[in-house]
PDB file of N, CA and C in Angstrom:
ATOM      1  N   MET A   1       0.821  -1.195   0.000  1.00  0.00           N
ATOM      2  CA  MET A   1       0.000   0.000   0.000  1.00  0.00           C
ATOM      3  C   MET A   1       0.869   1.265   0.000  1.00  0.00           C
ATOM      4  N   LYS A   2       2.085   1.139   0.570  1.00  0.00           N
ATOM      5  CA  LYS A   2       2.935   2.334   0.639  1.00  0.00           C
ATOM      6  C   LYS A   2       3.345   2.798  -0.756  1.00  0.00           C
ATOM      7  N   TYR A   3       3.499   1.864  -1.694  1.00  0.00           N
ATOM      8  CA  TYR A   3       3.869   2.252  -3.051  1.00  0.00           C
ATOM      9  C   TYR A   3       2.695   2.908  -3.770  1.00  0.00           C
ATOM     10  N   TYR A   4       1.484   2.447  -3.502  1.00  0.00           N
ATOM     11  CA  TYR A   4       0.291   3.076  -4.079  1.00  0.00           C
ATOM     12  C   TYR A   4       0.208   4.524  -3.601  1.00  0.00           C
ATOM     13  N   LEU A   5       0.400   4.721  -2.303  1.00  0.00           N
ATOM     14  CA  LEU A   5       0.338   6.076  -1.744  1.00  0.00           C
ATOM     15  C   LEU A   5       1.480   6.944  -2.253  1.00  0.00           C
ATOM     16  N   LYS A   6       2.662   6.330  -2.433  1.00  0.00           N
ATOM     17  CA  LYS A   6       3.811   7.078  -2.960  1.00  0.00           C
ATOM     18  C   LYS A   6       3.512   7.590  -4.366  1.00  0.00           C
ATOM     19  N   VAL A   7       2.928   6.723  -5.195  1.00  0.00           N
ATOM     20  CA  VAL A   7       2.582   7.135  -6.566  1.00  0.00           C
ATOM     21  C   VAL A   7       1.525   8.227  -6.530  1.00  0.00           C
ATOM     22  N   MET A   8       0.559   8.106  -5.636  1.00  0.00           N
ATOM     23  CA  MET A   8      -0.496   9.118  -5.557  1.00  0.00           C
ATOM     24  C   MET A   8       0.060  10.465  -5.074  1.00  0.00           C
ATOM     25  N   LYS A   9       1.080  10.434  -4.206  1.00  0.00           N
ATOM     26  CA  LYS A   9       1.712  11.682  -3.765  1.00  0.00           C
ATOM     27  C   LYS A   9       2.460  12.343  -4.915  1.00  0.00           C
ATOM     28  N   GLU A  10       3.033  11.534  -5.804  1.00  0.00           N
ATOM     29  CA  GLU A  10       3.736  12.041  -6.982  1.00  0.00           C
ATOM     30  C   GLU A  10       2.770  12.017  -8.163  1.00  0.00           C
ATOM     31  N   TYR A  11       1.576  12.541  -7.957  1.00  0.00           N
ATOM     32  CA  TYR A  11       0.421  12.411  -8.846  1.00  0.00           C
ATOM     33  C   TYR A  11       0.749  12.596 -10.326  1.00  0.00           C
ATOM     34  N   ALA A  12       1.433  13.639 -10.676  1.00  0.00           N
ATOM     35  CA  ALA A  12       1.723  13.922 -12.082  1.00  0.00           C
ATOM     36  C   ALA A  12       3.210  14.166 -12.298  1.00  0.00           C
ATOM     37  N   THR A  13       4.048  13.432 -11.595  1.00  0.00           N
ATOM     38  CA  THR A  13       5.490  13.560 -11.738  1.00  0.00           C
ATOM     39  C   THR A  13       5.961  12.577 -12.803  1.00  0.00           C
ATOM     40  N   PHE A  14       6.306  13.103 -13.954  1.00  0.00           N
ATOM     41  CA  PHE A  14       6.715  12.261 -15.068  1.00  0.00           C
ATOM     42  C   PHE A  14       8.229  12.129 -15.163  1.00  0.00           C
ATOM     43  N   SER A  15       8.962  12.864 -14.365  1.00  0.00           N
ATOM     44  CA  SER A  15      10.423  12.774 -14.396  1.00  0.00           C
ATOM     45  C   SER A  15      10.896  11.853 -13.282  1.00  0.00           C
ATOM     46  N   GLY A  16      12.087  11.336 -13.452  1.00  0.00           N
ATOM     47  CA  GLY A  16      12.640  10.439 -12.453  1.00  0.00           C
ATOM     48  C   GLY A  16      12.449   8.988 -12.852  1.00  0.00           C
ATOM     49  N   ARG A  17      12.656   8.110 -11.884  1.00  0.00           N
ATOM     50  CA  ARG A  17      12.618   6.678 -12.147  1.00  0.00           C
ATOM     51  C   ARG A  17      11.748   5.965 -11.113  1.00  0.00           C
ATOM     52  N   ALA A  18      11.130   4.876 -11.525  1.00  0.00           N
ATOM     53  CA  ALA A  18      10.325   4.049 -10.623  1.00  0.00           C
ATOM     54  C   ALA A  18      10.794   2.607 -10.761  1.00  0.00           C
ATOM     55  N   ARG A  19      11.120   2.007  -9.643  1.00  0.00           N
ATOM     56  CA  ARG A  19      11.577   0.626  -9.699  1.00  0.00           C
ATOM     57  C   ARG A  19      10.414  -0.328  -9.960  1.00  0.00           C
ATOM     58  N   ARG A  20      10.745  -1.563 -10.284  1.00  0.00           N
ATOM     59  CA  ARG A  20       9.717  -2.557 -10.602  1.00  0.00           C
ATOM     60  C   ARG A  20       8.716  -2.730  -9.476  1.00  0.00           C
ATOM     61  N   LYS A  21       9.214  -2.820  -8.264  1.00  0.00           N
ATOM     62  CA  LYS A  21       8.335  -3.054  -7.117  1.00  0.00           C
ATOM     63  C   LYS A  21       7.309  -1.931  -6.974  1.00  0.00           C
ATOM     64  N   GLU A  22       7.749  -0.705  -7.112  1.00  0.00           N
ATOM     65  CA  GLU A  22       6.831   0.433  -7.017  1.00  0.00           C
ATOM     66  C   GLU A  22       5.758   0.351  -8.102  1.00  0.00           C
ATOM     67  N   TYR A  23       6.167   0.081  -9.325  1.00  0.00           N
ATOM     68  CA  TYR A  23       5.231   0.024 -10.450  1.00  0.00           C
ATOM     69  C   TYR A  23       4.211  -1.100 -10.267  1.00  0.00           C
ATOM     70  N   TRP A  24       4.690  -2.303  -9.981  1.00  0.00           N
ATOM     71  CA  TRP A  24       3.783  -3.446  -9.911  1.00  0.00           C
ATOM     72  C   TRP A  24       2.918  -3.430  -8.652  1.00  0.00           C
ATOM     73  N   MET A  25       3.434  -2.925  -7.544  1.00  0.00           N
ATOM     74  CA  MET A  25       2.585  -2.823  -6.341  1.00  0.00           C
ATOM     75  C   MET A  25       1.501  -1.778  -6.560  1.00  0.00           C
ATOM     76  N   PHE A  26       1.815  -0.695  -7.253  1.00  0.00           N
ATOM     77  CA  PHE A  26       0.796   0.290  -7.590  1.00  0.00           C
ATOM     78  C   PHE A  26      -0.277  -0.352  -8.461  1.00  0.00           C
ATOM     79  N   GLN A  27       0.139  -1.102  -9.474  1.00  0.00           N
ATOM     80  CA  GLN A  27      -0.825  -1.744 -10.361  1.00  0.00           C
ATOM     81  C   GLN A  27      -1.707  -2.743  -9.608  1.00  0.00           C
ATOM     82  N   LEU A  28      -1.109  -3.504  -8.697  1.00  0.00           N
ATOM     83  CA  LEU A  28      -1.868  -4.478  -7.909  1.00  0.00           C
ATOM     84  C   LEU A  28      -2.921  -3.797  -7.044  1.00  0.00           C
ATOM     85  N   PHE A  29      -2.509  -2.799  -6.280  1.00  0.00           N
ATOM     86  CA  PHE A  29      -3.457  -2.109  -5.407  1.00  0.00           C
ATOM     87  C   PHE A  29      -4.488  -1.318  -6.210  1.00  0.00           C
ATOM     88  N   ASN A  30      -4.099  -0.793  -7.346  1.00  0.00           N
ATOM     89  CA  ASN A  30      -5.046  -0.105  -8.203  1.00  0.00           C
ATOM     90  C   ASN A  30      -6.124  -1.084  -8.683  1.00  0.00           C
ATOM     91  N   LEU A  31      -5.727  -2.282  -9.071  1.00  0.00           N
ATOM     92  CA  LEU A  31      -6.679  -3.293  -9.509  1.00  0.00           C
ATOM     93  C   LEU A  31      -7.625  -3.691  -8.380  1.00  0.00           C
ATOM     94  N   ILE A  32      -7.078  -3.932  -7.197  1.00  0.00           N
ATOM     95  CA  ILE A  32      -7.895  -4.310  -6.040  1.00  0.00           C
ATOM     96  C   ILE A  32      -8.899  -3.207  -5.703  1.00  0.00           C
ATOM     97  N   ILE A  33      -8.417  -1.982  -5.641  1.00  0.00           N
ATOM     98  CA  ILE A  33      -9.299  -0.851  -5.315  1.00  0.00           C
ATOM     99  C   ILE A  33     -10.364  -0.676  -6.395  1.00  0.00           C
ATOM    100  N   ALA A  34      -9.987  -0.807  -7.659  1.00  0.00           N
ATOM    101  CA  ALA A  34     -10.944  -0.646  -8.752  1.00  0.00           C
ATOM    102  C   ALA A  34     -12.036  -1.712  -8.692  1.00  0.00           C
ATOM    103  N   ILE A  35     -11.660  -2.944  -8.394  1.00  0.00           N
ATOM    104  CA  ILE A  35     -12.651  -4.022  -8.293  1.00  0.00           C
ATOM    105  C   ILE A  35     -13.598  -3.770  -7.130  1.00  0.00           C
ATOM    106  N   ILE A  36     -13.033  -3.473  -5.971  1.00  0.00           N
ATOM    107  CA  ILE A  36     -13.870  -3.228  -4.789  1.00  0.00           C
ATOM    108  C   ILE A  36     -14.779  -2.028  -5.027  1.00  0.00           C
ATOM    109  N   TRP A  37     -14.222  -0.948  -5.549  1.00  0.00           N
ATOM    110  CA  TRP A  37     -15.004   0.263  -5.810  1.00  0.00           C
ATOM    111  C   TRP A  37     -16.081  -0.005  -6.849  1.00  0.00           C
ATOM    112  N   GLY A  38     -15.748  -0.785  -7.877  1.00  0.00           N
ATOM    113  CA  GLY A  38     -16.724  -1.124  -8.903  1.00  0.00           C
ATOM    114  C   GLY A  38     -17.878  -1.950  -8.355  1.00  0.00           C
ATOM    115  N   VAL A  39     -17.574  -2.898  -7.483  1.00  0.00           N
ATOM    116  CA  VAL A  39     -18.621  -3.714  -6.863  1.00  0.00           C
ATOM    117  C   VAL A  39     -19.512  -2.843  -5.979  1.00  0.00           C
ATOM    118  N   ILE A  40     -18.897  -1.997  -5.166  1.00  0.00           N
ATOM    119  CA  ILE A  40     -19.678  -1.116  -4.287  1.00  0.00           C
ATOM    120  C   ILE A  40     -20.569  -0.194  -5.117  1.00  0.00           C
ATOM    121  N   CYS A  41     -20.014   0.385  -6.172  1.00  0.00           N
ATOM    122  CA  CYS A  41     -20.803   1.282  -7.024  1.00  0.00           C
ATOM    123  C   CYS A  41     -21.913   0.531  -7.745  1.00  0.00           C
ATOM    124  N   GLY A  42     -21.647  -0.701  -8.147  1.00  0.00           N
ATOM    125  CA  GLY A  42     -22.666  -1.498  -8.806  1.00  0.00           C
ATOM    126  C   GLY A  42     -23.802  -1.870  -7.871  1.00  0.00           C
ATOM    127  N   ILE A  43     -23.466  -2.218  -6.631  1.00  0.00           N
ATOM    128  CA  ILE A  43     -24.487  -2.589  -5.648  1.00  0.00           C
ATOM    129  C   ILE A  43     -25.351  -1.388  -5.277  1.00  0.00           C
ATOM    130  N   THR A  44     -24.712  -0.246  -5.101  1.00  0.00           N
ATOM    131  CA  THR A  44     -25.459   0.948  -4.683  1.00  0.00           C
ATOM    132  C   THR A  44     -26.175   1.632  -5.848  1.00  0.00           C
ATOM    133  N   GLY A  45     -25.863   1.223  -7.068  1.00  0.00           N
ATOM    134  CA  GLY A  45     -26.540   1.804  -8.226  1.00  0.00           C
ATOM    135  C   GLY A  45     -25.938   3.097  -8.726  1.00  0.00           C
ATOM    136  N   PHE A  46     -24.674   3.351  -8.410  1.00  0.00           N
ATOM    137  CA  PHE A  46     -23.981   4.561  -8.874  1.00  0.00           C
ATOM    138  C   PHE A  46     -22.751   4.179  -9.711  1.00  0.00           C
ATOM    139  N   PRO A  47     -22.947   3.579 -10.904  1.00  0.00           N
ATOM    140  CA  PRO A  47     -21.786   3.148 -11.701  1.00  0.00           C
ATOM    141  C   PRO A  47     -20.915   4.302 -12.179  1.00  0.00           C
ATOM    142  N   ASP A  48     -21.460   5.511 -12.205  1.00  0.00           N
ATOM    143  CA  ASP A  48     -20.664   6.662 -12.647  1.00  0.00           C
ATOM    144  C   ASP A  48     -19.523   6.971 -11.685  1.00  0.00           C
ATOM    145  N   LEU A  49     -19.668   6.597 -10.417  1.00  0.00           N
ATOM    146  CA  LEU A  49     -18.586   6.828  -9.457  1.00  0.00           C
ATOM    147  C   LEU A  49     -17.375   5.952  -9.781  1.00  0.00           C
ATOM    148  N   ALA A  50     -17.616   4.763 -10.314  1.00  0.00           N
ATOM    149  CA  ALA A  50     -16.511   3.901 -10.728  1.00  0.00           C
ATOM    150  C   ALA A  50     -15.762   4.553 -11.896  1.00  0.00           C
ATOM    151  N   ASP A  51     -16.507   5.179 -12.798  1.00  0.00           N
ATOM    152  CA  ASP A  51     -15.875   5.892 -13.907  1.00  0.00           C
ATOM    153  C   ASP A  51     -15.047   7.071 -13.403  1.00  0.00           C
ATOM    154  N   LEU A  52     -15.524   7.713 -12.378  1.00  0.00           N
ATOM    155  CA  LEU A  52     -14.798   8.839 -11.782  1.00  0.00           C
ATOM    156  C   LEU A  52     -13.446   8.378 -11.243  1.00  0.00           C
ATOM    157  N   TYR A  53     -13.424   7.214 -10.562  1.00  0.00           N
ATOM    158  CA  TYR A  53     -12.149   6.674 -10.060  1.00  0.00           C
ATOM    159  C   TYR A  53     -11.195   6.433 -11.234  1.00  0.00           C
ATOM    160  N   SER A  54     -11.716   5.889 -12.319  1.00  0.00           N
ATOM    161  CA  SER A  54     -10.880   5.635 -13.498  1.00  0.00           C
ATOM    162  C   SER A  54     -10.268   6.917 -14.040  1.00  0.00           C
ATOM    163  N   LEU A  55     -11.040   7.975 -14.067  1.00  0.00           N
ATOM    164  CA  LEU A  55     -10.518   9.260 -14.543  1.00  0.00           C
ATOM    165  C   LEU A  55      -9.455   9.826 -13.607  1.00  0.00           C
ATOM    166  N   VAL A  56      -9.680   9.681 -12.311  1.00  0.00           N
ATOM    167  CA  VAL A  56      -8.730  10.207 -11.323  1.00  0.00           C
ATOM    168  C   VAL A  56      -7.398   9.464 -11.389  1.00  0.00           C
ATOM    169  N   ILE A  57      -7.426   8.182 -11.693  1.00  0.00           N
ATOM    170  CA  ILE A  57      -6.221   7.357 -11.619  1.00  0.00           C
ATOM    171  C   ILE A  57      -5.412   7.347 -12.928  1.00  0.00           C
ATOM    172  N   ILE A  58      -5.953   7.938 -13.996  1.00  0.00           N
ATOM    173  CA  ILE A  58      -5.245   7.922 -15.288  1.00  0.00           C
ATOM    174  C   ILE A  58      -3.886   8.606 -15.202  1.00  0.00           C
ATOM    175  N   LEU A  59      -3.839   9.793 -14.661  1.00  0.00           N
ATOM    176  CA  LEU A  59      -2.590  10.567 -14.615  1.00  0.00           C
ATOM    177  C   LEU A  59      -1.495   9.877 -13.789  1.00  0.00           C
ATOM    178  N   PRO A  60      -1.783   9.432 -12.560  1.00  0.00           N
ATOM    179  CA  PRO A  60      -0.725   8.736 -11.826  1.00  0.00           C
ATOM    180  C   PRO A  60      -0.298   7.428 -12.485  1.00  0.00           C
ATOM    181  N   SER A  61      -1.225   6.744 -13.157  1.00  0.00           N
ATOM    182  CA  SER A  61      -0.861   5.504 -13.862  1.00  0.00           C
ATOM    183  C   SER A  61       0.112   5.781 -14.995  1.00  0.00           C
ATOM    184  N   LEU A  62      -0.170   6.820 -15.764  1.00  0.00           N
ATOM    185  CA  LEU A  62       0.745   7.194 -16.837  1.00  0.00           C
ATOM    186  C   LEU A  62       2.091   7.655 -16.281  1.00  0.00           C
ATOM    187  N   ALA A  63       2.047   8.418 -15.198  1.00  0.00           N
ATOM    188  CA  ALA A  63       3.285   8.943 -14.611  1.00  0.00           C
ATOM    189  C   ALA A  63       4.182   7.816 -14.116  1.00  0.00           C
ATOM    190  N   VAL A  64       3.620   6.861 -13.383  1.00  0.00           N
ATOM    191  CA  VAL A  64       4.447   5.763 -12.866  1.00  0.00           C
ATOM    192  C   VAL A  64       4.917   4.866 -14.013  1.00  0.00           C
ATOM    193  N   GLY A  65       4.109   4.726 -15.050  1.00  0.00           N
ATOM    194  CA  GLY A  65       4.529   3.956 -16.217  1.00  0.00           C
ATOM    195  C   GLY A  65       5.703   4.605 -16.927  1.00  0.00           C
ATOM    196  N   MET A  66       5.638   5.912 -17.074  1.00  0.00           N
ATOM    197  CA  MET A  66       6.745   6.626 -17.715  1.00  0.00           C
ATOM    198  C   MET A  66       8.004   6.557 -16.864  1.00  0.00           C
ATOM    199  N   ARG A  67       7.839   6.715 -15.548  1.00  0.00           N
ATOM    200  CA  ARG A  67       9.012   6.601 -14.666  1.00  0.00           C
ATOM    201  C   ARG A  67       9.601   5.198 -14.717  1.00  0.00           C
ATOM    202  N   ARG A  68       8.748   4.184 -14.909  1.00  0.00           N
ATOM    203  CA  ARG A  68       9.234   2.804 -15.034  1.00  0.00           C
ATOM    204  C   ARG A  68      10.057   2.657 -16.308  1.00  0.00           C
ATOM    205  N   MET A  69       9.589   3.255 -17.392  1.00  0.00           N
ATOM    206  CA  MET A  69      10.348   3.212 -18.650  1.00  0.00           C
ATOM    207  C   MET A  69      11.694   3.910 -18.470  1.00  0.00           C
ATOM    208  N   HIS A  70      11.693   5.007 -17.722  1.00  0.00           N
ATOM    209  CA  HIS A  70      12.948   5.724 -17.456  1.00  0.00           C
ATOM    210  C   HIS A  70      13.920   4.836 -16.684  1.00  0.00           C
ATOM    211  N   ASP A  71      13.417   3.993 -15.801  1.00  0.00           N
ATOM    212  CA  ASP A  71      14.285   3.144 -14.984  1.00  0.00           C
ATOM    213  C   ASP A  71      15.049   2.137 -15.833  1.00  0.00           C
ATOM    214  N   VAL A  72      14.469   1.723 -16.946  1.00  0.00           N
ATOM    215  CA  VAL A  72      15.171   0.794 -17.831  1.00  0.00           C
ATOM    216  C   VAL A  72      15.936   1.531 -18.928  1.00  0.00           C
ATOM    217  N   GLY A  73      15.987   2.865 -18.826  1.00  0.00           N
ATOM    218  CA  GLY A  73      16.789   3.662 -19.742  1.00  0.00           C
ATOM    219  C   GLY A  73      16.088   4.028 -21.040  1.00  0.00           C
ATOM    220  N   LYS A  74      14.769   3.931 -21.069  1.00  0.00           N
ATOM    221  CA  LYS A  74      14.009   4.252 -22.274  1.00  0.00           C
ATOM    222  C   LYS A  74      13.190   5.515 -22.052  1.00  0.00           C
ATOM    223  N   SER A  75      12.779   6.109 -23.154  1.00  0.00           N
ATOM    224  CA  SER A  75      11.905   7.273 -23.088  1.00  0.00           C
ATOM    225  C   SER A  75      10.535   6.844 -22.568  1.00  0.00           C
ATOM    226  N   GLY A  76       9.850   7.753 -21.906  1.00  0.00           N
ATOM    227  CA  GLY A  76       8.518   7.463 -21.395  1.00  0.00           C
ATOM    228  C   GLY A  76       7.519   7.155 -22.484  1.00  0.00           C
ATOM    229  N   TRP A  77       7.791   7.568 -23.700  1.00  0.00           N
ATOM    230  CA  TRP A  77       6.893   7.317 -24.827  1.00  0.00           C
ATOM    231  C   TRP A  77       6.773   5.833 -25.140  1.00  0.00           C
ATOM    232  N   PHE A  78       7.723   5.025 -24.671  1.00  0.00           N
ATOM    233  CA  PHE A  78       7.664   3.586 -24.913  1.00  0.00           C
ATOM    234  C   PHE A  78       6.468   2.942 -24.217  1.00  0.00           C
ATOM    235  N   ILE A  79       5.850   3.643 -23.273  1.00  0.00           N
ATOM    236  CA  ILE A  79       4.659   3.132 -22.589  1.00  0.00           C
ATOM    237  C   ILE A  79       3.514   2.947 -23.590  1.00  0.00           C
ATOM    238  N   LEU A  80       3.580   3.621 -24.730  1.00  0.00           N
ATOM    239  CA  LEU A  80       2.517   3.539 -25.744  1.00  0.00           C
ATOM    240  C   LEU A  80       2.629   2.312 -26.645  1.00  0.00           C
ATOM    241  N   ILE A  81       3.712   1.548 -26.538  1.00  0.00           N
ATOM    242  CA  ILE A  81       3.895   0.337 -27.347  1.00  0.00           C
ATOM    243  C   ILE A  81       3.541  -0.857 -26.454  1.00  0.00           C
ATOM    244  N   PRO A  82       2.344  -1.428 -26.603  1.00  0.00           N
ATOM    245  CA  PRO A  82       1.795  -2.383 -25.634  1.00  0.00           C
ATOM    246  C   PRO A  82       2.705  -3.546 -25.232  1.00  0.00           C
ATOM    247  N   VAL A  83       3.101  -4.406 -26.139  1.00  0.00           N
ATOM    248  CA  VAL A  83       3.863  -5.597 -25.757  1.00  0.00           C
ATOM    249  C   VAL A  83       5.269  -5.226 -25.292  1.00  0.00           C
ATOM    250  N   TYR A  84       5.907  -4.330 -26.011  1.00  0.00           N
ATOM    251  CA  TYR A  84       7.265  -3.929 -25.660  1.00  0.00           C
ATOM    252  C   TYR A  84       7.306  -3.227 -24.302  1.00  0.00           C
ATOM    253  N   SER A  85       6.304  -2.393 -24.013  1.00  0.00           N
ATOM    254  CA  SER A  85       6.283  -1.709 -22.722  1.00  0.00           C
ATOM    255  C   SER A  85       6.101  -2.713 -21.579  1.00  0.00           C
ATOM    256  N   PHE A  86       5.342  -3.779 -21.823  1.00  0.00           N
ATOM    257  CA  PHE A  86       5.206  -4.820 -20.794  1.00  0.00           C
ATOM    258  C   PHE A  86       6.545  -5.506 -20.554  1.00  0.00           C
ATOM    259  N   ILE A  87       7.256  -5.812 -21.630  1.00  0.00           N
ATOM    260  CA  ILE A  87       8.586  -6.437 -21.498  1.00  0.00           C
ATOM    261  C   ILE A  87       9.518  -5.515 -20.711  1.00  0.00           C
ATOM    262  N   LEU A  88       9.477  -4.229 -21.017  1.00  0.00           N
ATOM    263  CA  LEU A  88      10.315  -3.270 -20.291  1.00  0.00           C
ATOM    264  C   LEU A  88       9.882  -3.156 -18.826  1.00  0.00           C
ATOM    265  N   ALA A  89       8.574  -3.216 -18.569  1.00  0.00           N
ATOM    266  CA  ALA A  89       8.065  -3.080 -17.200  1.00  0.00           C
ATOM    267  C   ALA A  89       8.500  -4.241 -16.308  1.00  0.00           C
ATOM    268  N   VAL A  90       8.700  -5.419 -16.881  1.00  0.00           N
ATOM    269  CA  VAL A  90       9.142  -6.560 -16.074  1.00  0.00           C
ATOM    270  C   VAL A  90      10.660  -6.701 -16.072  1.00  0.00           C
ATOM    271  N   SER A  91      11.348  -5.895 -16.887  1.00  0.00           N
ATOM    272  CA  SER A  91      12.810  -5.951 -16.952  1.00  0.00           C
ATOM    273  C   SER A  91      13.440  -5.252 -15.755  1.00  0.00           C
ATOM    274  N   LYS A  92      14.633  -5.697 -15.444  1.00  0.00           N
ATOM    275  CA  LYS A  92      15.394  -5.078 -14.368  1.00  0.00           C
ATOM    276  C   LYS A  92      15.852  -3.686 -14.801  1.00  0.00           C
ATOM    277  N   GLY A  93      15.764  -2.739 -13.885  1.00  0.00           N
ATOM    278  CA  GLY A  93      16.205  -1.380 -14.168  1.00  0.00           C
ATOM    279  C   GLY A  93      17.715  -1.268 -14.212  1.00  0.00           C
ATOM    280  N   GLU A  94      18.191  -0.186 -14.779  1.00  0.00           N
ATOM    281  CA  GLU A  94      19.631   0.052 -14.821  1.00  0.00           C
ATOM    282  C   GLU A  94      20.151   0.294 -13.408  1.00  0.00           C
ATOM    283  N   GLU A  95      21.238  -0.342 -13.061  1.00  0.00           N
ATOM    284  CA  GLU A  95      21.776  -0.257 -11.704  1.00  0.00           C
ATOM    285  C   GLU A  95      22.665   0.951 -11.485  1.00  0.00           C
ATOM    286  N   LYS A  96      22.787   1.751 -12.476  1.00  0.00           N
ATOM    287  CA  LYS A  96      23.603   2.960 -12.358  1.00  0.00           C
ATOM    288  C   LYS A  96      22.737   4.163 -12.673  1.00  0.00           C
ATOM    289  N   GLU A  97      23.280   5.326 -12.419  1.00  0.00           N
ATOM    290  CA  GLU A  97      22.558   6.553 -12.768  1.00  0.00           C
ATOM    291  C   GLU A  97      22.451   6.633 -14.284  1.00  0.00           C
ATOM    292  N   ASN A  98      21.281   7.017 -14.761  1.00  0.00           N
ATOM    293  CA  ASN A  98      21.115   7.221 -16.200  1.00  0.00           C
ATOM    294  C   ASN A  98      20.628   8.646 -16.447  1.00  0.00           C
ATOM    295  N   GLU A  99      20.269   8.955 -17.662  1.00  0.00           N
ATOM    296  CA  GLU A  99      19.881  10.338 -18.003  1.00  0.00           C
ATOM    297  C   GLU A  99      18.605  10.779 -17.295  1.00  0.00           C
ATOM    298  N   TYR A 100      17.863   9.839 -16.699  1.00  0.00           N
ATOM    299  CA  TYR A 100      16.606  10.171 -16.037  1.00  0.00           C
ATOM    300  C   TYR A 100      16.738  10.303 -14.523  1.00  0.00           C
ATOM    301  N   GLY A 101      17.890   9.981 -13.992  1.00  0.00           N
ATOM    302  CA  GLY A 101      18.109  10.148 -12.559  1.00  0.00           C
ATOM    303  C   GLY A 101      18.900   9.019 -11.941  1.00  0.00           C
ATOM    304  N   LYS A 102      18.989   9.077 -10.617  1.00  0.00           N
ATOM    305  CA  LYS A 102      19.729   8.064  -9.866  1.00  0.00           C
ATOM    306  C   LYS A 102      18.925   6.778  -9.766  1.00  0.00           C
ATOM    307  N   ASP A 103      19.637   5.698  -9.488  1.00  0.00           N
ATOM    308  CA  ASP A 103      19.011   4.390  -9.309  1.00  0.00           C
ATOM    309  C   ASP A 103      18.107   4.419  -8.073  1.00  0.00           C
ATOM    310  N   PRO A 104      16.785   4.231  -8.218  1.00  0.00           N
ATOM    311  CA  PRO A 104      15.890   4.312  -7.044  1.00  0.00           C
ATOM    312  C   PRO A 104      16.097   3.143  -6.088  1.00  0.00           C
ATOM    313  N   LYS A 105      16.692   2.069  -6.562  1.00  0.00           N
ATOM    314  CA  LYS A 105      16.913   0.895  -5.709  1.00  0.00           C
ATOM    315  C   LYS A 105      18.136   1.073  -4.819  1.00  0.00           C
ATOM    316  N   ALA A 106      18.988   2.026  -5.146  1.00  0.00           N
ATOM    317  CA  ALA A 106      20.222   2.224  -4.387  1.00  0.00           C
ATOM    318  C   ALA A 106      19.944   2.627  -2.932  1.00  0.00           C
ATOM    319  N   ASN A 107      18.864   3.373  -2.678  1.00  0.00           N
ATOM    320  CA  ASN A 107      18.555   3.858  -1.331  1.00  0.00           C
ATOM    321  C   ASN A 107      17.553   2.959  -0.609  1.00  0.00           C
ATOM    322  N   GLN A 108      16.911   2.035  -1.331  1.00  0.00           N
ATOM    323  CA  GLN A 108      15.852   1.220  -0.729  1.00  0.00           C
ATOM    324  C   GLN A 108      16.286  -0.220  -0.618  1.00  0.00           C
ATOM    325  N   ASN A 109      15.476  -0.995   0.132  1.00  0.00           N
ATOM    326  CA  ASN A 109      15.781  -2.437   0.275  1.00  0.00           C
ATOM    327  C   ASN A 109      15.212  -3.218  -0.859  1.00  0.00           C
TER     328      ASN A 109
END
């Protein structure tokens, strides 16, 4: 959950790098929250609220995706290439500083 909150705090930060753990934990918690929120909205009869969550989460999702691409040394635009961006998202990030910033794994466990 801490990675989900970290991404939400960096709501529209497209610069820098995001390690694999940050990206995938955000995606996991986003999926869980979306499912739970969708079920609650469906039961209560307010499906538009589920759409609202989707709109709110678009920007941080793109931002963390772009930062993930930066971690593997690619431009954030690679997030737009579906299969290749998935391959990059599961790839190990560069262990040294690159043009997008310092290695985010260097300071964390």
